[in-house]
C-alpha atoms as a PDB file:
ATOM      1  CA  MET A   1      -0.128  -0.184   0.087  1.00  0.00           C
ATOM      2  CA  ALA A   2       1.315   3.460  -1.137  1.00  0.00           C
ATOM      3  CA  ASN A   3       1.745   6.112   1.780  1.00  0.00           C
ATOM      4  CA  THR A   4       0.034   9.553   1.024  1.00  0.00           C
ATOM      5  CA  THR A   5       1.710  12.911   1.554  1.00  0.00           C
ATOM      6  CA  VAL A   6      -0.733  16.351   1.286  1.00  0.00           C
ATOM      7  CA  ILE A   7       1.234  18.833   0.973  1.00  0.00           C
ATOM      8  CA  ASN A   8      -0.059  22.748   1.204  1.00  0.00           C
ATOM      9  CA  ILE A   9       2.400  24.441  -1.102  1.00  0.00           C
ATOM     10  CA  THR A  10       1.838  28.737  -0.507  1.00  0.00           C
ATOM     11  CA  PRO A  11       0.675  30.494  -3.487  1.00  0.00           C
ATOM     12  CA  GLY A  12       3.998  31.875  -5.261  1.00  0.00           C
ATOM     13  CA  SER A  13       5.983  29.099  -4.032  1.00  0.00           C
ATOM     14  CA  GLU A  14       4.807  26.549  -6.037  1.00  0.00           C
ATOM     15  CA  ARG A  15       8.380  24.441  -5.604  1.00  0.00           C
ATOM     16  CA  LEU A  16       8.415  20.890  -4.063  1.00  0.00           C
ATOM     17  CA  SER A  17      11.189  21.945  -2.167  1.00  0.00           C
ATOM     18  CA  ALA A  18       8.492  24.808  -0.408  1.00  0.00           C
ATOM     19  CA  SER A  19       6.954  22.128   1.296  1.00  0.00           C
ATOM     20  CA  GLY A  20       9.684  21.310   4.107  1.00  0.00           C
ATOM     21  CA  LEU A  21      10.106  17.926   3.025  1.00  0.00           C
ATOM     22  CA  LYS A  22      12.952  16.305   1.787  1.00  0.00           C
ATOM     23  CA  VAL A  23      12.318  15.738  -1.735  1.00  0.00           C
ATOM     24  CA  ARG A  24      13.462  12.249  -2.880  1.00  0.00           C
ATOM     25  CA  GLU A  25      13.387  11.394  -7.000  1.00  0.00           C
ATOM     26  CA  THR A  26      10.189   9.164  -5.978  1.00  0.00           C
ATOM     27  CA  LEU A  27       7.945  11.929  -4.633  1.00  0.00           C
ATOM     28  CA  GLN A  28       5.855  12.740  -7.506  1.00  0.00           C
ATOM     29  CA  VAL A  29       2.479  14.467  -8.100  1.00  0.00           C
ATOM     30  CA  THR A  30      -0.114  12.234  -8.744  1.00  0.00           C
ATOM     31  CA  HIS A  31      -3.333  14.158  -7.847  1.00  0.00           C
ATOM     32  CA  VAL A  32      -3.718  18.156  -7.100  1.00  0.00           C
ATOM     33  CA  VAL A  33      -7.330  18.939  -5.093  1.00  0.00           C
ATOM     34  CA  SER A  34      -8.204  22.751  -5.276  1.00  0.00           C
ATOM     35  CA  GLN A  35     -10.728  24.423  -3.541  1.00  0.00           C
ATOM     36  CA  SER A  36     -13.238  23.785  -6.056  1.00  0.00           C
ATOM     37  CA  ASP A  37     -12.781  20.164  -5.703  1.00  0.00           C
ATOM     38  CA  VAL A  38     -13.568  20.732  -1.488  1.00  0.00           C
ATOM     39  CA  VAL A  39     -16.530  22.881  -2.509  1.00  0.00           C
ATOM     40  CA  LYS A  40     -17.956  20.067  -4.714  1.00  0.00           C
ATOM     41  CA  LEU A  41     -16.980  17.417  -2.044  1.00  0.00           C
ATOM     42  CA  LEU A  42     -19.001  19.476   0.627  1.00  0.00           C
ATOM     43  CA  TRP A  43     -21.943  19.881  -1.946  1.00  0.00           C
ATOM     44  CA  ALA A  44     -22.363  16.339  -3.162  1.00  0.00           C
ATOM     45  CA  ASN A  45     -22.369  15.411   0.667  1.00  0.00           C
ATOM     46  CA  LYS A  46     -24.618  18.178   1.846  1.00  0.00           C
ATOM     47  CA  GLY A  47     -27.096  15.227   3.079  1.00  0.00           C
ATOM     48  CA  VAL A  48     -24.368  14.552   6.072  1.00  0.00           C
ATOM     49  CA  LEU A  49     -23.697  18.153   6.461  1.00  0.00           C
ATOM     50  CA  ALA A  50     -27.671  18.851   6.824  1.00  0.00           C
ATOM     51  CA  GLU A  51     -27.147  20.222  10.455  1.00  0.00           C
ATOM     52  CA  ALA A  52     -23.675  22.559   9.883  1.00  0.00           C
ATOM     53  CA  LEU A  53     -24.547  24.117   6.243  1.00  0.00           C
ATOM     54  CA  PRO A  54     -27.300  26.656   7.690  1.00  0.00           C
ATOM     55  CA  GLN A  55     -24.679  27.746  10.116  1.00  0.00           C
ATOM     56  CA  THR A  56     -22.454  30.713   9.377  1.00  0.00           C
ATOM     57  CA  VAL A  57     -18.219  30.159   9.086  1.00  0.00           C
ATOM     58  CA  GLU A  58     -17.857  32.118  12.314  1.00  0.00           C
ATOM     59  CA  GLN A  59     -20.644  29.716  14.276  1.00  0.00           C
ATOM     60  CA  LEU A  60     -19.118  26.543  12.927  1.00  0.00           C
ATOM     61  CA  GLU A  61     -15.285  28.463  14.103  1.00  0.00           C
ATOM     62  CA  LEU A  62     -13.764  27.554  11.012  1.00  0.00           C
ATOM     63  CA  ASP A  63     -12.906  31.629  10.130  1.00  0.00           C
ATOM     64  CA  ASP A  64      -9.528  33.116  10.615  1.00  0.00           C
ATOM     65  CA  GLY A  65     -11.423  36.188  11.026  1.00  0.00           C
ATOM     66  CA  SER A  66     -10.484  37.511   7.371  1.00  0.00           C
ATOM     67  CA  VAL A  67     -13.016  36.193   4.247  1.00  0.00           C
ATOM     68  CA  TYR A  68     -12.495  37.641   0.699  1.00  0.00           C
ATOM     69  CA  THR A  69     -15.766  38.014  -1.162  1.00  0.00           C
ATOM     70  CA  ALA A  70     -17.028  39.598  -3.785  1.00  0.00           C
ATOM     71  CA  PRO A  71     -20.975  40.116  -4.664  1.00  0.00           C
ATOM     72  CA  ALA A  72     -21.852  38.376  -8.425  1.00  0.00           C
ATOM     73  CA  SER A  73     -22.818  41.419  -9.594  1.00  0.00           C
ATOM     74  CA  MET A  74     -19.010  43.557  -9.239  1.00  0.00           C
ATOM     75  CA  SER A  75     -17.205  42.731 -13.229  1.00  0.00           C
ATOM     76  CA  CYS A  76     -15.096  39.453 -12.755  1.00  0.00           C
ATOM     77  CA  LEU A  77     -11.914  41.858 -13.847  1.00  0.00           C
ATOM     78  CA  GLU A  78     -12.430  43.887 -10.880  1.00  0.00           C
ATOM     79  CA  ALA A  79     -13.221  41.052  -8.529  1.00  0.00           C
ATOM     80  CA  LEU A  80      -9.466  39.498  -9.707  1.00  0.00           C
ATOM     81  CA  SER A  81      -7.554  42.903  -9.649  1.00  0.00           C
ATOM     82  CA  GLN A  82      -8.639  43.019  -5.912  1.00  0.00           C
ATOM     83  CA  MET A  83      -7.623  39.437  -5.404  1.00  0.00           C
ATOM     84  CA  ALA A  84      -4.316  40.143  -7.439  1.00  0.00           C
ATOM     85  CA  ARG A  85      -4.076  43.081  -5.153  1.00  0.00           C
ATOM     86  CA  ASP A  86      -4.444  41.253  -1.728  1.00  0.00           C
ATOM     87  CA  HIS A  87      -2.622  37.997  -3.168  1.00  0.00           C
ATOM     88  CA  LYS A  88      -5.236  36.021  -2.924  1.00  0.00           C
ATOM     89  CA  SER A  89      -5.789  33.088  -5.452  1.00  0.00           C
ATOM     90  CA  SER A  90      -9.710  32.850  -4.714  1.00  0.00           C
ATOM     91  CA  MET A  91     -12.628  34.665  -3.173  1.00  0.00           C
ATOM     92  CA  GLY A  92     -16.155  33.810  -2.126  1.00  0.00           C
ATOM     93  CA  VAL A  93     -18.903  35.157  -4.726  1.00  0.00           C
ATOM     94  CA  THR A  94     -21.870  36.675  -2.255  1.00  0.00           C
ATOM     95  CA  ASP A  95     -25.921  37.537  -3.430  1.00  0.00           C
ATOM     96  CA  PRO A  96     -25.076  41.166  -3.210  1.00  0.00           C
ATOM     97  CA  ALA A  97     -28.695  41.250  -1.986  1.00  0.00           C
ATOM     98  CA  THR A  98     -28.297  38.724   0.504  1.00  0.00           C
ATOM     99  CA  GLY A  99     -24.533  37.952   1.274  1.00  0.00           C
ATOM    100  CA  LYS A 100     -25.346  35.092   1.082  1.00  0.00           C
ATOM    101  CA  LEU A 101     -22.284  32.642  -0.404  1.00  0.00           C
ATOM    102  CA  ILE A 102     -23.508  31.910  -3.547  1.00  0.00           C
ATOM    103  CA  GLY A 103     -20.019  30.635  -5.399  1.00  0.00           C
ATOM    104  CA  ASN A 104     -16.700  31.027  -5.068  1.00  0.00           C
ATOM    105  CA  LEU A 105     -14.011  32.730  -8.226  1.00  0.00           C
ATOM    106  CA  SER A 106     -10.308  31.369  -8.617  1.00  0.00           C
ATOM    107  CA  VAL A 107      -7.337  31.899 -10.699  1.00  0.00           C
ATOM    108  CA  SER A 108      -8.537  28.694 -12.295  1.00  0.00           C
ATOM    109  CA  ASP A 109     -11.211  30.269 -13.695  1.00  0.00           C
ATOM    110  CA  LEU A 110      -9.309  31.626 -15.906  1.00  0.00           C
ATOM    111  CA  ARG A 111      -7.278  28.239 -17.350  1.00  0.00           C
ATOM    112  CA  GLY A 112      -7.827  28.034 -21.501  1.00  0.00           C
ATOM    113  CA  LEU A 113      -9.463  31.514 -21.789  1.00  0.00           C
ATOM    114  CA  ALA A 114      -8.120  32.443 -25.223  1.00  0.00           C
ATOM    115  CA  VAL A 115      -7.487  36.193 -25.767  1.00  0.00           C
ATOM    116  CA  GLU A 116     -10.870  36.224 -28.116  1.00  0.00           C
ATOM    117  CA  GLU A 117     -12.693  35.352 -24.729  1.00  0.00           C
ATOM    118  CA  PHE A 118     -11.152  38.516 -22.533  1.00  0.00           C
ATOM    119  CA  PRO A 119     -13.887  40.226 -22.675  1.00  0.00           C
ATOM    120  CA  LEU A 120     -15.879  37.757 -21.109  1.00  0.00           C
ATOM    121  CA  LEU A 121     -13.837  39.457 -18.090  1.00  0.00           C
ATOM    122  CA  LEU A 122     -15.826  42.612 -17.820  1.00  0.00           C
ATOM    123  CA  LEU A 123     -18.854  40.718 -17.119  1.00  0.00           C
ATOM    124  CA  SER A 124     -20.042  39.879 -13.555  1.00  0.00           C
ATOM    125  CA  VAL A 125     -18.803  37.946 -11.614  1.00  0.00           C
ATOM    126  CA  GLY A 126     -21.756  35.999 -11.455  1.00  0.00           C
ATOM    127  CA  GLU A 127     -22.284  35.919 -15.436  1.00  0.00           C
ATOM    128  CA  TYR A 128     -18.417  34.811 -15.746  1.00  0.00           C
ATOM    129  CA  ILE A 129     -18.546  32.049 -13.794  1.00  0.00           C
ATOM    130  CA  ALA A 130     -21.927  31.011 -15.192  1.00  0.00           C
ATOM    131  CA  VAL A 131     -20.572  31.405 -18.574  1.00  0.00           C
ATOM    132  CA  ARG A 132     -17.034  29.598 -17.870  1.00  0.00           C
ATOM    133  CA  ARG A 133     -18.709  26.601 -16.137  1.00  0.00           C
ATOM    134  CA  GLN A 134     -21.512  26.410 -18.257  1.00  0.00           C
ATOM    135  CA  LEU A 135     -23.981  26.895 -16.292  1.00  0.00           C
ATOM    136  CA  GLY A 136     -27.457  28.307 -16.821  1.00  0.00           C
ATOM    137  CA  SER A 137     -28.843  29.037 -20.353  1.00  0.00           C
ATOM    138  CA  LEU A 138     -26.422  31.708 -21.355  1.00  0.00           C
ATOM    139  CA  SER A 139     -23.662  30.510 -23.829  1.00  0.00           C
ATOM    140  CA  LYS A 140     -20.700  31.973 -24.580  1.00  0.00           C
ATOM    141  CA  ALA A 141     -21.102  33.278 -27.908  1.00  0.00           C
ATOM    142  CA  ASP A 142     -24.575  35.119 -26.609  1.00  0.00           C
ATOM    143  CA  ALA A 143     -22.235  36.792 -23.815  1.00  0.00           C
ATOM    144  CA  LEU A 144     -19.631  37.491 -26.353  1.00  0.00           C
ATOM    145  CA  ALA A 145     -22.323  39.445 -28.292  1.00  0.00           C
ATOM    146  CA  GLY A 146     -23.558  41.242 -25.446  1.00  0.00           C
ATOM    147  CA  LYS A 147     -26.328  39.509 -23.646  1.00  0.00           C
ATOM    148  CA  ARG A 148     -26.868  39.071 -20.218  1.00  0.00           C
ATOM    149  CA  ALA A 149     -28.180  36.465 -17.909  1.00  0.00           C
ATOM    150  CA  GLU A 150     -31.721  37.001 -16.907  1.00  0.00           C
ATOM    151  CA  ALA A 151     -31.108  35.553 -13.530  1.00  0.00           C
ATOM    152  CA  ALA A 152     -28.404  38.270 -13.361  1.00  0.00           C
ATOM    153  CA  THR A 153     -30.133  41.520 -15.034  1.00  0.00           C
ATOM    154  CA  THR A 154     -33.277  40.222 -12.456  1.00  0.00           C
ATOM    155  CA  GLY A 155     -31.247  39.719  -9.252  1.00  0.00           C
ATOM    156  CA  LYS A 156     -31.449  36.279  -8.872  1.00  0.00           C
ATOM    157  CA  TRP A 157     -27.575  35.959  -8.624  1.00  0.00           C
ATOM    158  CA  ASP A 158     -28.299  32.170  -6.864  1.00  0.00           C
ATOM    159  CA  GLU A 159     -30.564  30.814  -9.331  1.00  0.00           C
ATOM    160  CA  LEU A 160     -27.633  31.971 -11.797  1.00  0.00           C
ATOM    161  CA  LEU A 161     -24.747  29.826  -9.706  1.00  0.00           C
END
């Protein structure tokens, strides 16, 4: 049976030596677990977590005092700029009306973005995530043509994400 070593590497120091482990020739990265993977796992197991889901991060005592979020209505470019300024690789996305966490924006959401798709960064965070992750009915072509997601225009952000 193989041993598994989990390494948390600080953004900006993506080297195995940054882990503090002695790097052996046999040490190889086999899987990467992203924040999105954790969120998907929690959502897939929401039945088991039913009592915890309505609680706040503070009530669960999982906060460290700093939570970075952006309202779903904020432009994606502005949210990414804020992440860069604050040296964060992701941030929560909230419903502007309720403050409820409805999604997350990560630098990995930029992966594979072609030059001709750069105008998508002018969309709201909610619409950008929906288009890039193919959630809802707004297609990439429609978004690039200037169309908006109905849920965004009516303020029903939780339906979009």
